[in-house]
PDB file of all heavy atoms in Angstrom:
ATOM      1  N   MET A   1      -5.274  -0.164   5.875  1.00  0.00           N
ATOM      2  CA  MET A   1      -5.108  -1.578   6.187  1.00  0.00           C
ATOM      3  C   MET A   1      -5.548  -2.411   4.978  1.00  0.00           C
ATOM      4  O   MET A   1      -6.567  -2.108   4.333  1.00  0.00           O
ATOM      5  CB  MET A   1      -5.934  -1.948   7.416  1.00  0.00           C
ATOM      6  CG  MET A   1      -5.563  -1.193   8.678  1.00  0.00           C
ATOM      7  SD  MET A   1      -3.850  -1.486   9.207  1.00  0.00           S
ATOM      8  CE  MET A   1      -3.933  -3.223   9.673  1.00  0.00           C
ATOM      9  N   VAL A   2      -4.784  -3.427   4.666  1.00  0.00           N
ATOM     10  CA  VAL A   2      -5.055  -4.235   3.478  1.00  0.00           C
ATOM     11  C   VAL A   2      -6.439  -4.874   3.594  1.00  0.00           C
ATOM     12  O   VAL A   2      -6.783  -5.491   4.616  1.00  0.00           O
ATOM     13  CB  VAL A   2      -3.969  -5.308   3.297  1.00  0.00           C
ATOM     14  CG1 VAL A   2      -4.279  -6.174   2.068  1.00  0.00           C
ATOM     15  CG2 VAL A   2      -2.600  -4.665   3.150  1.00  0.00           C
ATOM     16  N   HIS A   3      -7.233  -4.752   2.525  1.00  0.00           N
ATOM     17  CA  HIS A   3      -8.597  -5.278   2.513  1.00  0.00           C
ATOM     18  C   HIS A   3      -8.560  -6.810   2.615  1.00  0.00           C
ATOM     19  O   HIS A   3      -7.715  -7.461   1.993  1.00  0.00           O
ATOM     20  CB  HIS A   3      -9.306  -4.865   1.223  1.00  0.00           C
ATOM     21  CG  HIS A   3     -10.779  -4.974   1.282  1.00  0.00           C
ATOM     22  ND1 HIS A   3     -11.451  -6.191   1.264  1.00  0.00           N
ATOM     23  CD2 HIS A   3     -11.756  -4.016   1.374  1.00  0.00           C
ATOM     24  CE1 HIS A   3     -12.748  -5.987   1.328  1.00  0.00           C
ATOM     25  NE2 HIS A   3     -12.970  -4.662   1.398  1.00  0.00           N
ATOM     26  N   PRO A   4      -9.463  -7.413   3.391  1.00  0.00           N
ATOM     27  CA  PRO A   4      -9.482  -8.879   3.509  1.00  0.00           C
ATOM     28  C   PRO A   4      -9.597  -9.585   2.159  1.00  0.00           C
ATOM     29  O   PRO A   4      -8.998 -10.653   1.960  1.00  0.00           O
ATOM     30  CB  PRO A   4     -10.713  -9.145   4.388  1.00  0.00           C
ATOM     31  CG  PRO A   4     -10.870  -7.905   5.206  1.00  0.00           C
ATOM     32  CD  PRO A   4     -10.436  -6.784   4.312  1.00  0.00           C
ATOM     33  N   ASN A   5     -10.345  -9.011   1.220  1.00  0.00           N
ATOM     34  CA  ASN A   5     -10.469  -9.644  -0.097  1.00  0.00           C
ATOM     35  C   ASN A   5      -9.116  -9.694  -0.820  1.00  0.00           C
ATOM     36  O   ASN A   5      -8.807 -10.666  -1.525  1.00  0.00           O
ATOM     37  CB  ASN A   5     -11.484  -8.892  -0.960  1.00  0.00           C
ATOM     38  CG  ASN A   5     -12.897  -9.079  -0.465  1.00  0.00           C
ATOM     39  OD1 ASN A   5     -13.182 -10.019   0.293  1.00  0.00           O
ATOM     40  ND2 ASN A   5     -13.806  -8.197  -0.881  1.00  0.00           N
ATOM     41  N   VAL A   6      -8.304  -8.648  -0.653  1.00  0.00           N
ATOM     42  CA  VAL A   6      -6.976  -8.630  -1.283  1.00  0.00           C
ATOM     43  C   VAL A   6      -6.097  -9.718  -0.674  1.00  0.00           C
ATOM     44  O   VAL A   6      -5.343 -10.399  -1.380  1.00  0.00           O
ATOM     45  CB  VAL A   6      -6.329  -7.236  -1.131  1.00  0.00           C
ATOM     46  CG1 VAL A   6      -4.900  -7.237  -1.666  1.00  0.00           C
ATOM     47  CG2 VAL A   6      -7.162  -6.173  -1.840  1.00  0.00           C
ATOM     48  N   LEU A   7      -6.190  -9.909   0.653  1.00  0.00           N
ATOM     49  CA  LEU A   7      -5.432 -10.981   1.294  1.00  0.00           C
ATOM     50  C   LEU A   7      -5.858 -12.344   0.748  1.00  0.00           C
ATOM     51  O   LEU A   7      -5.015 -13.216   0.503  1.00  0.00           O
ATOM     52  CB  LEU A   7      -5.634 -10.932   2.808  1.00  0.00           C
ATOM     53  CG  LEU A   7      -5.020  -9.709   3.533  1.00  0.00           C
ATOM     54  CD1 LEU A   7      -5.447  -9.707   5.004  1.00  0.00           C
ATOM     55  CD2 LEU A   7      -3.501  -9.731   3.429  1.00  0.00           C
ATOM     56  N   ARG A   8      -7.145 -12.514   0.532  1.00  0.00           N
ATOM     57  CA  ARG A   8      -7.629 -13.795  -0.010  1.00  0.00           C
ATOM     58  C   ARG A   8      -7.091 -14.012  -1.419  1.00  0.00           C
ATOM     59  O   ARG A   8      -6.652 -15.120  -1.759  1.00  0.00           O
ATOM     60  CB  ARG A   8      -9.150 -13.813  -0.010  1.00  0.00           C
ATOM     61  CG  ARG A   8      -9.782 -13.852   1.382  1.00  0.00           C
ATOM     62  CD  ARG A   8     -11.290 -14.087   1.315  1.00  0.00           C
ATOM     63  NE  ARG A   8     -11.895 -14.019   2.641  1.00  0.00           N
ATOM     64  CZ  ARG A   8     -12.476 -12.928   3.134  1.00  0.00           C
ATOM     65  NH1 ARG A   8     -12.539 -11.808   2.403  1.00  0.00           N
ATOM     66  NH2 ARG A   8     -12.997 -12.945   4.352  1.00  0.00           N
ATOM     67  N   TYR A   9      -7.129 -12.972  -2.264  1.00  0.00           N
ATOM     68  CA  TYR A   9      -6.593 -13.111  -3.614  1.00  0.00           C
ATOM     69  C   TYR A   9      -5.089 -13.423  -3.583  1.00  0.00           C
ATOM     70  O   TYR A   9      -4.566 -14.087  -4.476  1.00  0.00           O
ATOM     71  CB  TYR A   9      -6.822 -11.826  -4.414  1.00  0.00           C
ATOM     72  CG  TYR A   9      -8.217 -11.701  -4.981  1.00  0.00           C
ATOM     73  CD1 TYR A   9      -9.057 -10.656  -4.572  1.00  0.00           C
ATOM     74  CD2 TYR A   9      -8.690 -12.608  -5.912  1.00  0.00           C
ATOM     75  CE1 TYR A   9     -10.338 -10.526  -5.091  1.00  0.00           C
ATOM     76  CE2 TYR A   9      -9.984 -12.491  -6.434  1.00  0.00           C
ATOM     77  CZ  TYR A   9     -10.794 -11.452  -6.028  1.00  0.00           C
ATOM     78  OH  TYR A   9     -12.071 -11.330  -6.547  1.00  0.00           O
ATOM     79  N   GLY A  10      -4.420 -12.969  -2.549  1.00  0.00           N
ATOM     80  CA  GLY A  10      -2.987 -13.251  -2.412  1.00  0.00           C
ATOM     81  C   GLY A  10      -2.704 -14.610  -1.795  1.00  0.00           C
ATOM     82  O   GLY A  10      -1.533 -14.961  -1.600  1.00  0.00           O
ATOM     83  N   GLY A  11      -3.751 -15.353  -1.472  1.00  0.00           N
ATOM     84  CA  GLY A  11      -3.563 -16.687  -0.917  1.00  0.00           C
ATOM     85  C   GLY A  11      -3.363 -16.713   0.572  1.00  0.00           C
ATOM     86  O   GLY A  11      -2.856 -17.711   1.110  1.00  0.00           O
ATOM     87  N   LEU A  12      -3.747 -15.650   1.286  1.00  0.00           N
ATOM     88  CA  LEU A  12      -3.566 -15.574   2.732  1.00  0.00           C
ATOM     89  C   LEU A  12      -4.932 -15.550   3.425  1.00  0.00           C
ATOM     90  O   LEU A  12      -5.917 -15.045   2.882  1.00  0.00           O
ATOM     91  CB  LEU A  12      -2.775 -14.320   3.111  1.00  0.00           C
ATOM     92  CG  LEU A  12      -1.370 -14.179   2.507  1.00  0.00           C
ATOM     93  CD1 LEU A  12      -0.742 -12.853   2.939  1.00  0.00           C
ATOM     94  CD2 LEU A  12      -0.474 -15.350   2.911  1.00  0.00           C
ATOM     95  N   ASP A  13      -4.950 -16.075   4.618  1.00  0.00           N
ATOM     96  CA  ASP A  13      -6.173 -16.117   5.421  1.00  0.00           C
ATOM     97  C   ASP A  13      -6.304 -14.808   6.195  1.00  0.00           C
ATOM     98  O   ASP A  13      -5.483 -14.513   7.080  1.00  0.00           O
ATOM     99  CB  ASP A  13      -6.110 -17.292   6.380  1.00  0.00           C
ATOM    100  CG  ASP A  13      -7.394 -17.436   7.209  1.00  0.00           C
ATOM    101  OD1 ASP A  13      -8.318 -16.600   7.039  1.00  0.00           O
ATOM    102  OD2 ASP A  13      -7.465 -18.374   8.020  1.00  0.00           O
ATOM    103  N   PRO A  14      -7.319 -13.977   5.894  1.00  0.00           N
ATOM    104  CA  PRO A  14      -7.465 -12.699   6.607  1.00  0.00           C
ATOM    105  C   PRO A  14      -7.787 -12.863   8.083  1.00  0.00           C
ATOM    106  O   PRO A  14      -7.644 -11.891   8.848  1.00  0.00           O
ATOM    107  CB  PRO A  14      -8.617 -12.009   5.864  1.00  0.00           C
ATOM    108  CG  PRO A  14      -9.371 -13.111   5.203  1.00  0.00           C
ATOM    109  CD  PRO A  14      -8.372 -14.169   4.880  1.00  0.00           C
ATOM    110  N   ASP A  15      -8.209 -14.049   8.520  1.00  0.00           N
ATOM    111  CA  ASP A  15      -8.435 -14.270   9.949  1.00  0.00           C
ATOM    112  C   ASP A  15      -7.120 -14.502  10.688  1.00  0.00           C
ATOM    113  O   ASP A  15      -7.083 -14.409  11.921  1.00  0.00           O
ATOM    114  CB  ASP A  15      -9.358 -15.473  10.150  1.00  0.00           C
ATOM    115  CG  ASP A  15     -10.762 -15.197   9.632  1.00  0.00           C
ATOM    116  OD1 ASP A  15     -11.183 -14.015   9.692  1.00  0.00           O
ATOM    117  OD2 ASP A  15     -11.417 -16.137   9.155  1.00  0.00           O
ATOM    118  N   GLU A  16      -6.055 -14.818   9.933  1.00  0.00           N
ATOM    119  CA  GLU A  16      -4.748 -15.071  10.548  1.00  0.00           C
ATOM    120  C   GLU A  16      -3.773 -13.925  10.308  1.00  0.00           C
ATOM    121  O   GLU A  16      -2.979 -13.582  11.195  1.00  0.00           O
ATOM    122  CB  GLU A  16      -4.159 -16.375   9.996  1.00  0.00           C
ATOM    123  CG  GLU A  16      -2.819 -16.748  10.628  1.00  0.00           C
ATOM    124  CD  GLU A  16      -2.265 -18.055  10.066  1.00  0.00           C
ATOM    125  OE1 GLU A  16      -2.915 -18.641   9.167  1.00  0.00           O
ATOM    126  OE2 GLU A  16      -1.188 -18.490  10.539  1.00  0.00           O
ATOM    127  N   TYR A  17      -3.836 -13.343   9.130  1.00  0.00           N
ATOM    128  CA  TYR A  17      -2.874 -12.290   8.766  1.00  0.00           C
ATOM    129  C   TYR A  17      -3.587 -10.965   8.516  1.00  0.00           C
ATOM    130  O   TYR A  17      -4.750 -10.921   8.110  1.00  0.00           O
ATOM    131  CB  TYR A  17      -2.098 -12.687   7.503  1.00  0.00           C
ATOM    132  CG  TYR A  17      -1.210 -13.898   7.691  1.00  0.00           C
ATOM    133  CD1 TYR A  17      -1.587 -15.139   7.175  1.00  0.00           C
ATOM    134  CD2 TYR A  17      -0.019 -13.800   8.392  1.00  0.00           C
ATOM    135  CE1 TYR A  17      -0.788 -16.251   7.352  1.00  0.00           C
ATOM    136  CE2 TYR A  17       0.797 -14.908   8.572  1.00  0.00           C
ATOM    137  CZ  TYR A  17       0.414 -16.129   8.051  1.00  0.00           C
ATOM    138  OH  TYR A  17       1.201 -17.226   8.240  1.00  0.00           O
ATOM    139  N   GLN A  18      -2.864  -9.922   8.765  1.00  0.00           N
ATOM    140  CA  GLN A  18      -3.340  -8.580   8.462  1.00  0.00           C
ATOM    141  C   GLN A  18      -2.131  -7.730   8.091  1.00  0.00           C
ATOM    142  O   GLN A  18      -0.981  -8.138   8.288  1.00  0.00           O
ATOM    143  CB  GLN A  18      -4.083  -7.975   9.650  1.00  0.00           C
ATOM    144  CG  GLN A  18      -3.235  -7.856  10.921  1.00  0.00           C
ATOM    145  CD  GLN A  18      -4.082  -7.481  12.119  1.00  0.00           C
ATOM    146  OE1 GLN A  18      -5.240  -7.863  12.226  1.00  0.00           O
ATOM    147  NE2 GLN A  18      -3.477  -6.716  13.031  1.00  0.00           N
ATOM    148  N   GLY A  19      -2.380  -6.585   7.540  1.00  0.00           N
ATOM    149  CA  GLY A  19      -1.252  -5.744   7.127  1.00  0.00           C
ATOM    150  C   GLY A  19      -1.709  -4.373   6.689  1.00  0.00           C
ATOM    151  O   GLY A  19      -2.900  -4.043   6.693  1.00  0.00           O
ATOM    152  N   PHE A  20      -0.756  -3.563   6.340  1.00  0.00           N
ATOM    153  CA  PHE A  20      -1.073  -2.222   5.848  1.00  0.00           C
ATOM    154  C   PHE A  20      -0.252  -1.942   4.585  1.00  0.00           C
ATOM    155  O   PHE A  20       0.792  -2.565   4.341  1.00  0.00           O
ATOM    156  CB  PHE A  20      -0.828  -1.153   6.916  1.00  0.00           C
ATOM    157  CG  PHE A  20       0.569  -1.131   7.490  1.00  0.00           C
ATOM    158  CD1 PHE A  20       1.592  -0.402   6.876  1.00  0.00           C
ATOM    159  CD2 PHE A  20       0.861  -1.820   8.662  1.00  0.00           C
ATOM    160  CE1 PHE A  20       2.869  -0.370   7.413  1.00  0.00           C
ATOM    161  CE2 PHE A  20       2.137  -1.795   9.204  1.00  0.00           C
ATOM    162  CZ  PHE A  20       3.147  -1.073   8.580  1.00  0.00           C
ATOM    163  N   ALA A  21      -0.756  -1.008   3.808  1.00  0.00           N
ATOM    164  CA  ALA A  21      -0.105  -0.636   2.548  1.00  0.00           C
ATOM    165  C   ALA A  21      -0.227   0.867   2.361  1.00  0.00           C
ATOM    166  O   ALA A  21      -1.107   1.519   2.952  1.00  0.00           O
ATOM    167  CB  ALA A  21      -0.735  -1.387   1.376  1.00  0.00           C
ATOM    168  N   TRP A  22       0.641   1.419   1.528  1.00  0.00           N
ATOM    169  CA  TRP A  22       0.580   2.839   1.207  1.00  0.00           C
ATOM    170  C   TRP A  22       1.137   3.058  -0.192  1.00  0.00           C
ATOM    171  O   TRP A  22       1.819   2.200  -0.750  1.00  0.00           O
ATOM    172  CB  TRP A  22       1.364   3.660   2.231  1.00  0.00           C
ATOM    173  CG  TRP A  22       2.859   3.456   2.153  1.00  0.00           C
ATOM    174  CD1 TRP A  22       3.752   4.174   1.433  1.00  0.00           C
ATOM    175  CD2 TRP A  22       3.619   2.446   2.824  1.00  0.00           C
ATOM    176  NE1 TRP A  22       5.029   3.689   1.605  1.00  0.00           N
ATOM    177  CE2 TRP A  22       4.961   2.628   2.461  1.00  0.00           C
ATOM    178  CE3 TRP A  22       3.277   1.413   3.712  1.00  0.00           C
ATOM    179  CZ2 TRP A  22       5.977   1.800   2.949  1.00  0.00           C
ATOM    180  CZ3 TRP A  22       4.293   0.601   4.185  1.00  0.00           C
ATOM    181  CH2 TRP A  22       5.625   0.792   3.806  1.00  0.00           C
ATOM    182  N   GLY A  23       0.827   4.197  -0.751  1.00  0.00           N
ATOM    183  CA  GLY A  23       1.320   4.535  -2.081  1.00  0.00           C
ATOM    184  C   GLY A  23       1.460   6.033  -2.247  1.00  0.00           C
ATOM    185  O   GLY A  23       0.689   6.821  -1.682  1.00  0.00           O
ATOM    186  N   MET A  24       2.475   6.436  -3.022  1.00  0.00           N
ATOM    187  CA  MET A  24       2.705   7.861  -3.295  1.00  0.00           C
ATOM    188  C   MET A  24       3.389   8.002  -4.647  1.00  0.00           C
ATOM    189  O   MET A  24       4.017   7.056  -5.152  1.00  0.00           O
ATOM    190  CB  MET A  24       3.562   8.489  -2.187  1.00  0.00           C
ATOM    191  CG  MET A  24       4.992   7.990  -2.139  1.00  0.00           C
ATOM    192  SD  MET A  24       5.911   8.628  -0.729  1.00  0.00           S
ATOM    193  CE  MET A  24       5.264   7.598   0.588  1.00  0.00           C
ATOM    194  N   GLY A  25       3.274   9.172  -5.237  1.00  0.00           N
ATOM    195  CA  GLY A  25       3.934   9.446  -6.511  1.00  0.00           C
ATOM    196  C   GLY A  25       5.374   9.890  -6.292  1.00  0.00           C
ATOM    197  O   GLY A  25       5.625  10.880  -5.587  1.00  0.00           O
ATOM    198  N   ILE A  26       6.324   9.154  -6.862  1.00  0.00           N
ATOM    199  CA  ILE A  26       7.740   9.519  -6.714  1.00  0.00           C
ATOM    200  C   ILE A  26       8.011  10.861  -7.374  1.00  0.00           C
ATOM    201  O   ILE A  26       8.732  11.706  -6.833  1.00  0.00           O
ATOM    202  CB  ILE A  26       8.632   8.415  -7.315  1.00  0.00           C
ATOM    203  CG1 ILE A  26       8.489   7.120  -6.504  1.00  0.00           C
ATOM    204  CG2 ILE A  26      10.092   8.857  -7.346  1.00  0.00           C
ATOM    205  CD1 ILE A  26       9.273   5.953  -7.065  1.00  0.00           C
ATOM    206  N   ASP A  27       7.397  11.078  -8.546  1.00  0.00           N
ATOM    207  CA  ASP A  27       7.594  12.352  -9.232  1.00  0.00           C
ATOM    208  C   ASP A  27       7.095  13.517  -8.367  1.00  0.00           C
ATOM    209  O   ASP A  27       7.728  14.575  -8.314  1.00  0.00           O
ATOM    210  CB  ASP A  27       6.851  12.343 -10.570  1.00  0.00           C
ATOM    211  CG  ASP A  27       7.075  11.058 -11.341  1.00  0.00           C
ATOM    212  OD1 ASP A  27       6.427  10.055 -10.991  1.00  0.00           O
ATOM    213  OD2 ASP A  27       7.895  11.056 -12.263  1.00  0.00           O
ATOM    214  N   ARG A  28       5.973  13.298  -7.706  1.00  0.00           N
ATOM    215  CA  ARG A  28       5.382  14.363  -6.889  1.00  0.00           C
ATOM    216  C   ARG A  28       6.265  14.707  -5.692  1.00  0.00           C
ATOM    217  O   ARG A  28       6.507  15.885  -5.410  1.00  0.00           O
ATOM    218  CB  ARG A  28       3.983  13.946  -6.415  1.00  0.00           C
ATOM    219  CG  ARG A  28       3.339  14.937  -5.468  1.00  0.00           C
ATOM    220  CD  ARG A  28       1.879  14.590  -5.208  1.00  0.00           C
ATOM    221  NE  ARG A  28       1.309  15.379  -4.133  1.00  0.00           N
ATOM    222  CZ  ARG A  28       0.947  16.646  -4.228  1.00  0.00           C
ATOM    223  NH1 ARG A  28       1.114  17.280  -5.372  1.00  0.00           N
ATOM    224  NH2 ARG A  28       0.427  17.288  -3.201  1.00  0.00           N
ATOM    225  N   ILE A  29       6.741  13.692  -4.981  1.00  0.00           N
ATOM    226  CA  ILE A  29       7.573  14.010  -3.810  1.00  0.00           C
ATOM    227  C   ILE A  29       8.926  14.574  -4.241  1.00  0.00           C
ATOM    228  O   ILE A  29       9.553  15.335  -3.496  1.00  0.00           O
ATOM    229  CB  ILE A  29       7.743  12.781  -2.886  1.00  0.00           C
ATOM    230  CG1 ILE A  29       8.491  11.638  -3.581  1.00  0.00           C
ATOM    231  CG2 ILE A  29       6.390  12.317  -2.370  1.00  0.00           C
ATOM    232  CD1 ILE A  29       8.794  10.475  -2.656  1.00  0.00           C
ATOM    233  N   ALA A  30       9.386  14.222  -5.461  1.00  0.00           N
ATOM    234  CA  ALA A  30      10.605  14.846  -5.983  1.00  0.00           C
ATOM    235  C   ALA A  30      10.370  16.332  -6.256  1.00  0.00           C
ATOM    236  O   ALA A  30      11.211  17.184  -5.928  1.00  0.00           O
ATOM    237  CB  ALA A  30      11.055  14.139  -7.260  1.00  0.00           C
ATOM    238  N   MET A  31       9.208  16.648  -6.833  1.00  0.00           N
ATOM    239  CA  MET A  31       8.859  18.044  -7.082  1.00  0.00           C
ATOM    240  C   MET A  31       8.755  18.825  -5.780  1.00  0.00           C
ATOM    241  O   MET A  31       9.211  19.973  -5.685  1.00  0.00           O
ATOM    242  CB  MET A  31       7.541  18.122  -7.858  1.00  0.00           C
ATOM    243  CG  MET A  31       7.599  17.568  -9.267  1.00  0.00           C
ATOM    244  SD  MET A  31       5.975  17.481 -10.046  1.00  0.00           S
ATOM    245  CE  MET A  31       5.578  19.218 -10.222  1.00  0.00           C
ATOM    246  N   LEU A  32       8.157  18.223  -4.765  1.00  0.00           N
ATOM    247  CA  LEU A  32       7.988  18.907  -3.486  1.00  0.00           C
ATOM    248  C   LEU A  32       9.323  19.176  -2.810  1.00  0.00           C
ATOM    249  O   LEU A  32       9.558  20.264  -2.270  1.00  0.00           O
ATOM    250  CB  LEU A  32       7.102  18.064  -2.562  1.00  0.00           C
ATOM    251  CG  LEU A  32       5.621  17.929  -2.950  1.00  0.00           C
ATOM    252  CD1 LEU A  32       4.909  16.989  -1.998  1.00  0.00           C
ATOM    253  CD2 LEU A  32       4.945  19.296  -2.969  1.00  0.00           C
ATOM    254  N   LYS A  33      10.217  18.204  -2.845  1.00  0.00           N
ATOM    255  CA  LYS A  33      11.484  18.357  -2.123  1.00  0.00           C
ATOM    256  C   LYS A  33      12.447  19.290  -2.847  1.00  0.00           C
ATOM    257  O   LYS A  33      13.145  20.087  -2.205  1.00  0.00           O
ATOM    258  CB  LYS A  33      12.130  16.992  -1.913  1.00  0.00           C
ATOM    259  CG  LYS A  33      13.439  17.062  -1.117  1.00  0.00           C
ATOM    260  CD  LYS A  33      13.981  15.683  -0.794  1.00  0.00           C
ATOM    261  CE  LYS A  33      15.250  15.764   0.035  1.00  0.00           C
ATOM    262  NZ  LYS A  33      15.786  14.428   0.399  1.00  0.00           N
ATOM    263  N   TYR A  34      12.507  19.195  -4.175  1.00  0.00           N
ATOM    264  CA  TYR A  34      13.534  19.919  -4.919  1.00  0.00           C
ATOM    265  C   TYR A  34      12.996  21.099  -5.725  1.00  0.00           C
ATOM    266  O   TYR A  34      13.720  21.691  -6.517  1.00  0.00           O
ATOM    267  CB  TYR A  34      14.287  18.944  -5.833  1.00  0.00           C
ATOM    268  CG  TYR A  34      15.049  17.913  -5.036  1.00  0.00           C
ATOM    269  CD1 TYR A  34      14.669  16.578  -5.041  1.00  0.00           C
ATOM    270  CD2 TYR A  34      16.124  18.283  -4.236  1.00  0.00           C
ATOM    271  CE1 TYR A  34      15.360  15.629  -4.290  1.00  0.00           C
ATOM    272  CE2 TYR A  34      16.814  17.352  -3.481  1.00  0.00           C
ATOM    273  CZ  TYR A  34      16.425  16.028  -3.509  1.00  0.00           C
ATOM    274  OH  TYR A  34      17.110  15.097  -2.762  1.00  0.00           O
ATOM    275  N   GLY A  35      11.715  21.450  -5.530  1.00  0.00           N
ATOM    276  CA  GLY A  35      11.191  22.689  -6.090  1.00  0.00           C
ATOM    277  C   GLY A  35      11.049  22.719  -7.591  1.00  0.00           C
ATOM    278  O   GLY A  35      11.313  23.754  -8.211  1.00  0.00           O
ATOM    279  N   MET A  36      10.625  21.620  -8.199  1.00  0.00           N
ATOM    280  CA  MET A  36      10.433  21.585  -9.650  1.00  0.00           C
ATOM    281  C   MET A  36       8.973  21.902  -9.967  1.00  0.00           C
ATOM    282  O   MET A  36       8.073  21.201  -9.507  1.00  0.00           O
ATOM    283  CB  MET A  36      10.816  20.204 -10.182  1.00  0.00           C
ATOM    284  CG  MET A  36      12.235  19.809  -9.805  1.00  0.00           C
ATOM    285  SD  MET A  36      12.512  18.045  -9.968  1.00  0.00           S
ATOM    286  CE  MET A  36      14.054  17.857  -9.074  1.00  0.00           C
TER     287      MET A  36
END
């Protein structure tokens, strides 16, 4: 879940808005799927 401080830096009120984020390596999932 997005940290309240990050929401503040983005100009949003963490008491009103919330959200989630994720990240992954494209190269890594390409290696996993296609066997490189």
